[in-house]
Amino acid sequence: AIFVTVTRDGALLDRRRVELVDDELPAIPHHH
């Protein structure tokens, strides 16, 4: 996922790409 963190008035505080599953596991198991 992409996370973008902003203040209430829209000023950028942080942005990052995050991994949400271990590398050795499939990312979309229901589907595939």
Full PDB file with SEQRES, HELIX, SHEET, SSBOND, CRYST1, ORIGX, SCALE, CONECT and MASTER records, all heavy atoms in Angstrom:
SEQRES   1 A   32  ALA ILE PHE VAL THR VAL THR ARG ASP GLY ALA LEU LEU          
SEQRES   2 A   32  ASP ARG ARG ARG VAL GLU LEU VAL ASP ASP GLU LEU PRO          
SEQRES   3 A   32  ALA ILE PRO HIS HIS HIS                                      
SHEET    1 AA1 2 ILE A   2  VAL A   6  0                                        
SHEET    2 AA1 2 LEU A  12  ARG A  17 -1                                        
CRYST1    1.000    1.000    1.000  90.00  90.00  90.00 P 1           1          
ORIGX1      1.000000  0.000000  0.000000        0.00000                         
ORIGX2      0.000000  1.000000  0.000000        0.00000                         
ORIGX3      0.000000  0.000000  1.000000        0.00000                         
SCALE1      1.000000  0.000000  0.000000        0.00000                         
SCALE2      0.000000  1.000000  0.000000        0.00000                         
SCALE3      0.000000  0.000000  1.000000        0.00000                         
ATOM      1  N   ALA A   1       0.840  -1.198   0.000  1.00  0.00           N  
ATOM      2  CA  ALA A   1       0.000   0.000   0.000  1.00  0.00           C  
ATOM      3  C   ALA A   1       0.874   1.246   0.000  1.00  0.00           C  
ATOM      4  O   ALA A   1       2.037   1.210   0.387  1.00  0.00           O  
ATOM      5  CB  ALA A   1      -0.905   0.022   1.231  1.00  0.00           C  
ATOM      6  N   ILE A   2       0.274   2.328  -0.450  1.00  0.00           N  
ATOM      7  CA  ILE A   2       0.872   3.656  -0.325  1.00  0.00           C  
ATOM      8  C   ILE A   2       0.184   4.350   0.839  1.00  0.00           C  
ATOM      9  O   ILE A   2      -1.043   4.391   0.919  1.00  0.00           O  
ATOM     10  CB  ILE A   2       0.685   4.479  -1.621  1.00  0.00           C  
ATOM     11  CG1 ILE A   2       1.451   3.847  -2.781  1.00  0.00           C  
ATOM     12  CG2 ILE A   2       1.087   5.942  -1.407  1.00  0.00           C  
ATOM     13  CD1 ILE A   2       2.962   3.835  -2.627  1.00  0.00           C  
ATOM     14  N   PHE A   3       0.988   4.892   1.750  1.00  0.00           N  
ATOM     15  CA  PHE A   3       0.491   5.704   2.861  1.00  0.00           C  
ATOM     16  C   PHE A   3       0.903   7.151   2.598  1.00  0.00           C  
ATOM     17  O   PHE A   3       2.075   7.416   2.317  1.00  0.00           O  
ATOM     18  CB  PHE A   3       1.136   5.309   4.190  1.00  0.00           C  
ATOM     19  CG  PHE A   3       0.691   4.014   4.801  1.00  0.00           C  
ATOM     20  CD1 PHE A   3      -0.163   3.133   4.147  1.00  0.00           C  
ATOM     21  CD2 PHE A   3       1.158   3.672   6.060  1.00  0.00           C  
ATOM     22  CE1 PHE A   3      -0.544   1.941   4.746  1.00  0.00           C  
ATOM     23  CE2 PHE A   3       0.778   2.493   6.665  1.00  0.00           C  
ATOM     24  CZ  PHE A   3      -0.075   1.618   6.014  1.00  0.00           C  
ATOM     25  N   VAL A   4      -0.030   8.068   2.717  1.00  0.00           N  
ATOM     26  CA  VAL A   4       0.278   9.497   2.684  1.00  0.00           C  
ATOM     27  C   VAL A   4      -0.350  10.103   3.928  1.00  0.00           C  
ATOM     28  O   VAL A   4      -1.560   9.990   4.141  1.00  0.00           O  
ATOM     29  CB  VAL A   4      -0.271  10.184   1.412  1.00  0.00           C  
ATOM     30  CG1 VAL A   4      -0.030  11.693   1.476  1.00  0.00           C  
ATOM     31  CG2 VAL A   4       0.382   9.601   0.164  1.00  0.00           C  
ATOM     32  N   THR A   5       0.471  10.728   4.749  1.00  0.00           N  
ATOM     33  CA  THR A   5      -0.003  11.334   5.988  1.00  0.00           C  
ATOM     34  C   THR A   5       0.050  12.846   5.845  1.00  0.00           C  
ATOM     35  O   THR A   5       1.086  13.403   5.482  1.00  0.00           O  
ATOM     36  CB  THR A   5       0.862  10.875   7.182  1.00  0.00           C  
ATOM     37  OG1 THR A   5       0.915   9.448   7.190  1.00  0.00           O  
ATOM     38  CG2 THR A   5       0.296  11.379   8.499  1.00  0.00           C  
ATOM     39  N   VAL A   6      -1.078  13.487   6.105  1.00  0.00           N  
ATOM     40  CA  VAL A   6      -1.191  14.943   5.974  1.00  0.00           C  
ATOM     41  C   VAL A   6      -1.855  15.536   7.208  1.00  0.00           C  
ATOM     42  O   VAL A   6      -2.573  14.849   7.941  1.00  0.00           O  
ATOM     43  CB  VAL A   6      -1.995  15.352   4.707  1.00  0.00           C  
ATOM     44  CG1 VAL A   6      -1.317  14.849   3.443  1.00  0.00           C  
ATOM     45  CG2 VAL A   6      -3.433  14.877   4.776  1.00  0.00           C  
ATOM     46  N   THR A   7      -1.624  16.817   7.408  1.00  0.00           N  
ATOM     47  CA  THR A   7      -2.337  17.543   8.448  1.00  0.00           C  
ATOM     48  C   THR A   7      -3.781  17.744   8.000  1.00  0.00           C  
ATOM     49  O   THR A   7      -4.133  17.497   6.844  1.00  0.00           O  
ATOM     50  CB  THR A   7      -1.699  18.924   8.704  1.00  0.00           C  
ATOM     51  OG1 THR A   7      -1.806  19.690   7.497  1.00  0.00           O  
ATOM     52  CG2 THR A   7      -0.251  18.808   9.134  1.00  0.00           C  
ATOM     53  N   ARG A   8      -4.605  18.254   8.898  1.00  0.00           N  
ATOM     54  CA  ARG A   8      -6.004  18.507   8.552  1.00  0.00           C  
ATOM     55  C   ARG A   8      -6.153  19.506   7.410  1.00  0.00           C  
ATOM     56  O   ARG A   8      -7.133  19.476   6.679  1.00  0.00           O  
ATOM     57  CB  ARG A   8      -6.766  19.012   9.778  1.00  0.00           C  
ATOM     58  CG  ARG A   8      -7.028  17.935  10.781  1.00  0.00           C  
ATOM     59  CD  ARG A   8      -7.780  18.487  11.956  1.00  0.00           C  
ATOM     60  NE  ARG A   8      -8.138  17.406  12.867  1.00  0.00           N  
ATOM     61  CZ  ARG A   8      -8.408  17.584  14.128  1.00  0.00           C  
ATOM     62  NH1 ARG A   8      -8.391  18.797  14.654  1.00  0.00           N  
ATOM     63  NH2 ARG A   8      -8.730  16.564  14.888  1.00  0.00           N  
ATOM     64  N   ASP A   9      -5.158  20.384   7.249  1.00  0.00           N  
ATOM     65  CA  ASP A   9      -5.244  21.366   6.155  1.00  0.00           C  
ATOM     66  C   ASP A   9      -4.484  20.916   4.906  1.00  0.00           C  
ATOM     67  O   ASP A   9      -4.289  21.687   3.979  1.00  0.00           O  
ATOM     68  CB  ASP A   9      -4.783  22.743   6.610  1.00  0.00           C  
ATOM     69  CG  ASP A   9      -3.326  22.768   7.058  1.00  0.00           C  
ATOM     70  OD1 ASP A   9      -2.669  21.702   7.047  1.00  0.00           O  
ATOM     71  OD2 ASP A   9      -2.848  23.849   7.424  1.00  0.00           O  
ATOM     72  N   GLY A  10      -4.059  19.635   4.872  1.00  0.00           N  
ATOM     73  CA  GLY A  10      -3.467  19.074   3.666  1.00  0.00           C  
ATOM     74  C   GLY A  10      -1.965  19.187   3.529  1.00  0.00           C  
ATOM     75  O   GLY A  10      -1.418  18.836   2.486  1.00  0.00           O  
ATOM     76  N   ALA A  11      -1.258  19.646   4.555  1.00  0.00           N  
ATOM     77  CA  ALA A  11       0.210  19.722   4.478  1.00  0.00           C  
ATOM     78  C   ALA A  11       0.802  18.315   4.621  1.00  0.00           C  
ATOM     79  O   ALA A  11       0.430  17.554   5.514  1.00  0.00           O  
ATOM     80  CB  ALA A  11       0.750  20.630   5.584  1.00  0.00           C  
ATOM     81  N   LEU A  12       1.715  17.984   3.730  1.00  0.00           N  
ATOM     82  CA  LEU A  12       2.325  16.661   3.717  1.00  0.00           C  
ATOM     83  C   LEU A  12       3.260  16.481   4.902  1.00  0.00           C  
ATOM     84  O   LEU A  12       4.152  17.295   5.139  1.00  0.00           O  
ATOM     85  CB  LEU A  12       3.103  16.461   2.410  1.00  0.00           C  
ATOM     86  CG  LEU A  12       3.816  15.128   2.244  1.00  0.00           C  
ATOM     87  CD1 LEU A  12       2.824  13.982   2.161  1.00  0.00           C  
ATOM     88  CD2 LEU A  12       4.715  15.169   1.009  1.00  0.00           C  
ATOM     89  N   LEU A  13       3.050  15.373   5.640  1.00  0.00           N  
ATOM     90  CA  LEU A  13       3.919  15.030   6.761  1.00  0.00           C  
ATOM     91  C   LEU A  13       4.791  13.812   6.471  1.00  0.00           C  
ATOM     92  O   LEU A  13       5.917  13.719   6.940  1.00  0.00           O  
ATOM     93  CB  LEU A  13       3.080  14.749   8.015  1.00  0.00           C  
ATOM     94  CG  LEU A  13       2.222  15.894   8.540  1.00  0.00           C  
ATOM     95  CD1 LEU A  13       1.336  15.402   9.674  1.00  0.00           C  
ATOM     96  CD2 LEU A  13       3.105  17.041   8.998  1.00  0.00           C  
ATOM     97  N   ASP A  14       4.243  12.870   5.696  1.00  0.00           N  
ATOM     98  CA  ASP A  14       4.965  11.618   5.468  1.00  0.00           C  
ATOM     99  C   ASP A  14       4.335  10.908   4.268  1.00  0.00           C  
ATOM    100  O   ASP A  14       3.134  11.027   4.035  1.00  0.00           O  
ATOM    101  CB  ASP A  14       4.840  10.723   6.716  1.00  0.00           C  
ATOM    102  CG  ASP A  14       5.692   9.473   6.628  1.00  0.00           C  
ATOM    103  OD1 ASP A  14       6.906   9.566   6.848  1.00  0.00           O  
ATOM    104  OD2 ASP A  14       5.139   8.392   6.327  1.00  0.00           O  
ATOM    105  N   ARG A  15       5.161  10.186   3.527  1.00  0.00           N  
ATOM    106  CA  ARG A  15       4.664   9.321   2.458  1.00  0.00           C  
ATOM    107  C   ARG A  15       5.589   8.125   2.382  1.00  0.00           C  
ATOM    108  O   ARG A  15       6.795   8.233   2.570  1.00  0.00           O  
ATOM    109  CB  ARG A  15       4.615  10.056   1.124  1.00  0.00           C  
ATOM    110  CG  ARG A  15       5.976  10.506   0.669  1.00  0.00           C  
ATOM    111  CD  ARG A  15       5.934  11.238  -0.641  1.00  0.00           C  
ATOM    112  NE  ARG A  15       7.184  11.963  -0.809  1.00  0.00           N  
ATOM    113  CZ  ARG A  15       7.663  12.347  -1.954  1.00  0.00           C  
ATOM    114  NH1 ARG A  15       6.996  12.113  -3.057  1.00  0.00           N  
ATOM    115  NH2 ARG A  15       8.799  12.995  -2.033  1.00  0.00           N  
ATOM    116  N   ARG A  16       4.990   6.980   2.094  1.00  0.00           N  
ATOM    117  CA  ARG A  16       5.796   5.757   2.022  1.00  0.00           C  
ATOM    118  C   ARG A  16       5.017   4.624   1.359  1.00  0.00           C  
ATOM    119  O   ARG A  16       3.793   4.628   1.382  1.00  0.00           O  
ATOM    120  CB  ARG A  16       6.261   5.317   3.405  1.00  0.00           C  
ATOM    121  CG  ARG A  16       5.125   4.981   4.346  1.00  0.00           C  
ATOM    122  CD  ARG A  16       5.565   4.692   5.772  1.00  0.00           C  
ATOM    123  NE  ARG A  16       6.102   5.883   6.394  1.00  0.00           N  
ATOM    124  CZ  ARG A  16       7.036   5.861   7.342  1.00  0.00           C  
ATOM    125  NH1 ARG A  16       7.498   4.717   7.781  1.00  0.00           N  
ATOM    126  NH2 ARG A  16       7.495   6.974   7.857  1.00  0.00           N  
ATOM    127  N   ARG A  17       5.754   3.698   0.812  1.00  0.00           N  
ATOM    128  CA  ARG A  17       5.183   2.439   0.342  1.00  0.00           C  
ATOM    129  C   ARG A  17       5.442   1.420   1.439  1.00  0.00           C  
ATOM    130  O   ARG A  17       6.558   1.353   1.976  1.00  0.00           O  
ATOM    131  CB  ARG A  17       5.839   1.999  -0.966  1.00  0.00           C  
ATOM    132  CG  ARG A  17       5.315   0.654  -1.449  1.00  0.00           C  
ATOM    133  CD  ARG A  17       6.116   0.136  -2.625  1.00  0.00           C  
ATOM    134  NE  ARG A  17       5.930  -1.294  -2.746  1.00  0.00           N  
ATOM    135  CZ  ARG A  17       5.485  -1.905  -3.835  1.00  0.00           C  
ATOM    136  NH1 ARG A  17       5.206  -1.210  -4.917  1.00  0.00           N  
ATOM    137  NH2 ARG A  17       5.343  -3.214  -3.858  1.00  0.00           N  
ATOM    138  N   VAL A  18       4.441   0.618   1.764  1.00  0.00           N  
ATOM    139  CA  VAL A  18       4.598  -0.395   2.809  1.00  0.00           C  
ATOM    140  C   VAL A  18       4.218  -1.766   2.259  1.00  0.00           C  
ATOM    141  O   VAL A  18       3.318  -1.892   1.433  1.00  0.00           O  
ATOM    142  CB  VAL A  18       3.753  -0.073   4.070  1.00  0.00           C  
ATOM    143  CG1 VAL A  18       4.174   1.254   4.678  1.00  0.00           C  
ATOM    144  CG2 VAL A  18       2.272  -0.078   3.761  1.00  0.00           C  
ATOM    145  N   GLU A  19       4.925  -2.764   2.717  1.00  0.00           N  
ATOM    146  CA  GLU A  19       4.604  -4.151   2.375  1.00  0.00           C  
ATOM    147  C   GLU A  19       3.638  -4.674   3.432  1.00  0.00           C  
ATOM    148  O   GLU A  19       3.796  -4.401   4.616  1.00  0.00           O  
ATOM    149  CB  GLU A  19       5.875  -5.002   2.347  1.00  0.00           C  
ATOM    150  CG  GLU A  19       6.883  -4.551   1.308  1.00  0.00           C  
ATOM    151  CD  GLU A  19       6.352  -4.572  -0.113  1.00  0.00           C  
ATOM    152  OE1 GLU A  19       5.594  -5.502  -0.463  1.00  0.00           O  
ATOM    153  OE2 GLU A  19       6.696  -3.648  -0.889  1.00  0.00           O  
ATOM    154  N   LEU A  20       2.653  -5.449   2.985  1.00  0.00           N  
ATOM    155  CA  LEU A  20       1.622  -5.926   3.899  1.00  0.00           C  
ATOM    156  C   LEU A  20       1.573  -7.450   4.021  1.00  0.00           C  
ATOM    157  O   LEU A  20       0.636  -7.990   4.620  1.00  0.00           O  
ATOM    158  CB  LEU A  20       0.244  -5.397   3.460  1.00  0.00           C  
ATOM    159  CG  LEU A  20       0.083  -3.878   3.561  1.00  0.00           C  
ATOM    160  CD1 LEU A  20      -1.238  -3.440   2.951  1.00  0.00           C  
ATOM    161  CD2 LEU A  20       0.186  -3.422   5.017  1.00  0.00           C  
ATOM    162  N   VAL A  21       2.586  -8.124   3.492  1.00  0.00           N  
ATOM    163  CA  VAL A  21       2.625  -9.584   3.601  1.00  0.00           C  
ATOM    164  C   VAL A  21       4.079 -10.040   3.475  1.00  0.00           C  
ATOM    165  O   VAL A  21       4.891  -9.386   2.816  1.00  0.00           O  
ATOM    166  CB  VAL A  21       1.724 -10.242   2.521  1.00  0.00           C  
ATOM    167  CG1 VAL A  21       2.260  -9.994   1.123  1.00  0.00           C  
ATOM    168  CG2 VAL A  21       1.499 -11.715   2.786  1.00  0.00           C  
ATOM    169  N   ASP A  22       4.394 -11.151   4.121  1.00  0.00           N  
ATOM    170  CA  ASP A  22       5.740 -11.726   4.022  1.00  0.00           C  
ATOM    171  C   ASP A  22       6.064 -12.085   2.581  1.00  0.00           C  
ATOM    172  O   ASP A  22       5.188 -12.525   1.826  1.00  0.00           O  
ATOM    173  CB  ASP A  22       5.843 -12.992   4.883  1.00  0.00           C  
ATOM    174  CG  ASP A  22       5.760 -12.695   6.372  1.00  0.00           C  
ATOM    175  OD1 ASP A  22       6.164 -11.598   6.790  1.00  0.00           O  
ATOM    176  OD2 ASP A  22       5.279 -13.573   7.119  1.00  0.00           O  
ATOM    177  N   ASP A  23       7.325 -11.934   2.219  1.00  0.00           N  
ATOM    178  CA  ASP A  23       7.767 -12.200   0.845  1.00  0.00           C  
ATOM    179  C   ASP A  23       7.464 -13.617   0.370  1.00  0.00           C  
ATOM    180  O   ASP A  23       7.160 -13.833  -0.801  1.00  0.00           O  
ATOM    181  CB  ASP A  23       9.279 -11.964   0.708  1.00  0.00           C  
ATOM    182  CG  ASP A  23       9.643 -10.494   0.767  1.00  0.00           C  
ATOM    183  OD1 ASP A  23       8.762  -9.642   0.538  1.00  0.00           O  
ATOM    184  OD2 ASP A  23      10.821 -10.200   1.047  1.00  0.00           O  
ATOM    185  N   GLU A  24       7.549 -14.581   1.275  1.00  0.00           N  
ATOM    186  CA  GLU A  24       7.376 -15.976   0.848  1.00  0.00           C  
ATOM    187  C   GLU A  24       5.907 -16.398   0.722  1.00  0.00           C  
ATOM    188  O   GLU A  24       5.610 -17.510   0.288  1.00  0.00           O  
ATOM    189  CB  GLU A  24       8.113 -16.936   1.793  1.00  0.00           C  
ATOM    190  CG  GLU A  24       7.519 -17.037   3.181  1.00  0.00           C  
ATOM    191  CD  GLU A  24       8.028 -15.981   4.163  1.00  0.00           C  
ATOM    192  OE1 GLU A  24       8.768 -15.066   3.743  1.00  0.00           O  
ATOM    193  OE2 GLU A  24       7.676 -16.072   5.341  1.00  0.00           O  
ATOM    194  N   LEU A  25       4.992 -15.504   1.075  1.00  0.00           N  
ATOM    195  CA  LEU A  25       3.564 -15.808   0.964  1.00  0.00           C  
ATOM    196  C   LEU A  25       2.965 -15.137  -0.269  1.00  0.00           C  
ATOM    197  O   LEU A  25       3.421 -14.073  -0.683  1.00  0.00           O  
ATOM    198  CB  LEU A  25       2.824 -15.334   2.218  1.00  0.00           C  
ATOM    199  CG  LEU A  25       3.110 -16.109   3.493  1.00  0.00           C  
ATOM    200  CD1 LEU A  25       2.477 -15.419   4.696  1.00  0.00           C  
ATOM    201  CD2 LEU A  25       2.611 -17.548   3.378  1.00  0.00           C  
ATOM    202  N   PRO A  26       1.914 -15.731  -0.833  1.00  0.00           N  
ATOM    203  CA  PRO A  26       1.261 -15.090  -1.976  1.00  0.00           C  
ATOM    204  C   PRO A  26       0.491 -13.855  -1.531  1.00  0.00           C  
ATOM    205  O   PRO A  26      -0.065 -13.820  -0.431  1.00  0.00           O  
ATOM    206  CB  PRO A  26       0.314 -16.171  -2.491  1.00  0.00           C  
ATOM    207  CG  PRO A  26       0.033 -17.040  -1.309  1.00  0.00           C  
ATOM    208  CD  PRO A  26       1.292 -17.011  -0.485  1.00  0.00           C  
ATOM    209  N   ALA A  27       0.463 -12.848  -2.382  1.00  0.00           N  
ATOM    210  CA  ALA A  27      -0.210 -11.586  -2.045  1.00  0.00           C  
ATOM    211  C   ALA A  27      -1.713 -11.651  -2.252  1.00  0.00           C  
ATOM    212  O   ALA A  27      -2.463 -10.961  -1.560  1.00  0.00           O  
ATOM    213  CB  ALA A  27       0.380 -10.447  -2.869  1.00  0.00           C  
ATOM    214  N   ILE A  28      -2.173 -12.444  -3.205  1.00  0.00           N  
ATOM    215  CA  ILE A  28      -3.617 -12.511  -3.495  1.00  0.00           C  
ATOM    216  C   ILE A  28      -4.087 -13.974  -3.497  1.00  0.00           C  
ATOM    217  O   ILE A  28      -4.488 -14.511  -4.527  1.00  0.00           O  
ATOM    218  CB  ILE A  28      -3.964 -11.771  -4.804  1.00  0.00           C  
ATOM    219  CG1 ILE A  28      -3.092 -12.249  -5.954  1.00  0.00           C  
ATOM    220  CG2 ILE A  28      -3.855 -10.272  -4.637  1.00  0.00           C  
ATOM    221  CD1 ILE A  28      -3.522 -11.694  -7.308  1.00  0.00           C  
ATOM    222  N   PRO A  29      -4.074 -14.604  -2.315  1.00  0.00           N  
ATOM    223  CA  PRO A  29      -4.354 -16.045  -2.255  1.00  0.00           C  
ATOM    224  C   PRO A  29      -5.788 -16.431  -2.603  1.00  0.00           C  
ATOM    225  O   PRO A  29      -6.000 -17.476  -3.224  1.00  0.00           O  
ATOM    226  CB  PRO A  29      -4.020 -16.402  -0.812  1.00  0.00           C  
ATOM    227  CG  PRO A  29      -4.235 -15.134  -0.050  1.00  0.00           C  
ATOM    228  CD  PRO A  29      -3.773 -14.056  -0.995  1.00  0.00           C  
ATOM    229  N   HIS A  30      -6.790 -15.649  -2.188  1.00  0.00           N  
ATOM    230  CA  HIS A  30      -8.171 -16.002  -2.537  1.00  0.00           C  
ATOM    231  C   HIS A  30      -8.328 -16.104  -4.055  1.00  0.00           C  
ATOM    232  O   HIS A  30      -8.984 -17.007  -4.557  1.00  0.00           O  
ATOM    233  CB  HIS A  30      -9.169 -14.926  -2.062  1.00  0.00           C  
ATOM    234  CG  HIS A  30      -9.394 -14.843  -0.608  1.00  0.00           C  
ATOM    235  ND1 HIS A  30      -8.658 -14.017   0.206  1.00  0.00           N  
ATOM    236  CD2 HIS A  30     -10.303 -15.450   0.191  1.00  0.00           C  
ATOM    237  CE1 HIS A  30      -9.099 -14.109   1.445  1.00  0.00           C  
ATOM    238  NE2 HIS A  30     -10.105 -14.981   1.474  1.00  0.00           N  
ATOM    239  N   HIS A  31      -7.741 -15.145  -4.730  1.00  0.00           N  
ATOM    240  CA  HIS A  31      -7.936 -15.013  -6.166  1.00  0.00           C  
ATOM    241  C   HIS A  31      -7.133 -16.030  -6.984  1.00  0.00           C  
ATOM    242  O   HIS A  31      -7.571 -16.482  -8.034  1.00  0.00           O  
ATOM    243  CB  HIS A  31      -7.558 -13.598  -6.614  1.00  0.00           C  
ATOM    244  CG  HIS A  31      -7.751 -13.350  -8.067  1.00  0.00           C  
ATOM    245  ND1 HIS A  31      -8.991 -13.286  -8.654  1.00  0.00           N  
ATOM    246  CD2 HIS A  31      -6.862 -13.184  -9.067  1.00  0.00           C  
ATOM    247  CE1 HIS A  31      -8.862 -13.074  -9.948  1.00  0.00           C  
ATOM    248  NE2 HIS A  31      -7.576 -13.007 -10.235  1.00  0.00           N  
ATOM    249  N   HIS A  32      -5.962 -16.394  -6.486  1.00  0.00           N  
ATOM    250  CA  HIS A  32      -5.104 -17.236  -7.325  1.00  0.00           C  
ATOM    251  C   HIS A  32      -4.741 -18.565  -6.663  1.00  0.00           C  
ATOM    252  O   HIS A  32      -5.305 -19.599  -7.002  1.00  0.00           O  
ATOM    253  CB  HIS A  32      -3.843 -16.466  -7.733  1.00  0.00           C  
ATOM    254  CG  HIS A  32      -3.040 -17.194  -8.749  1.00  0.00           C  
ATOM    255  ND1 HIS A  32      -1.959 -17.969  -8.417  1.00  0.00           N  
ATOM    256  CD2 HIS A  32      -3.181 -17.307 -10.094  1.00  0.00           C  
ATOM    257  CE1 HIS A  32      -1.451 -18.517  -9.502  1.00  0.00           C  
ATOM    258  NE2 HIS A  32      -2.170 -18.134 -10.535  1.00  0.00           N  
TER     259      HIS A  32                                                      
MASTER        0    0    0    0    2    0    0    6  258    1    0    3          
END                                                                             
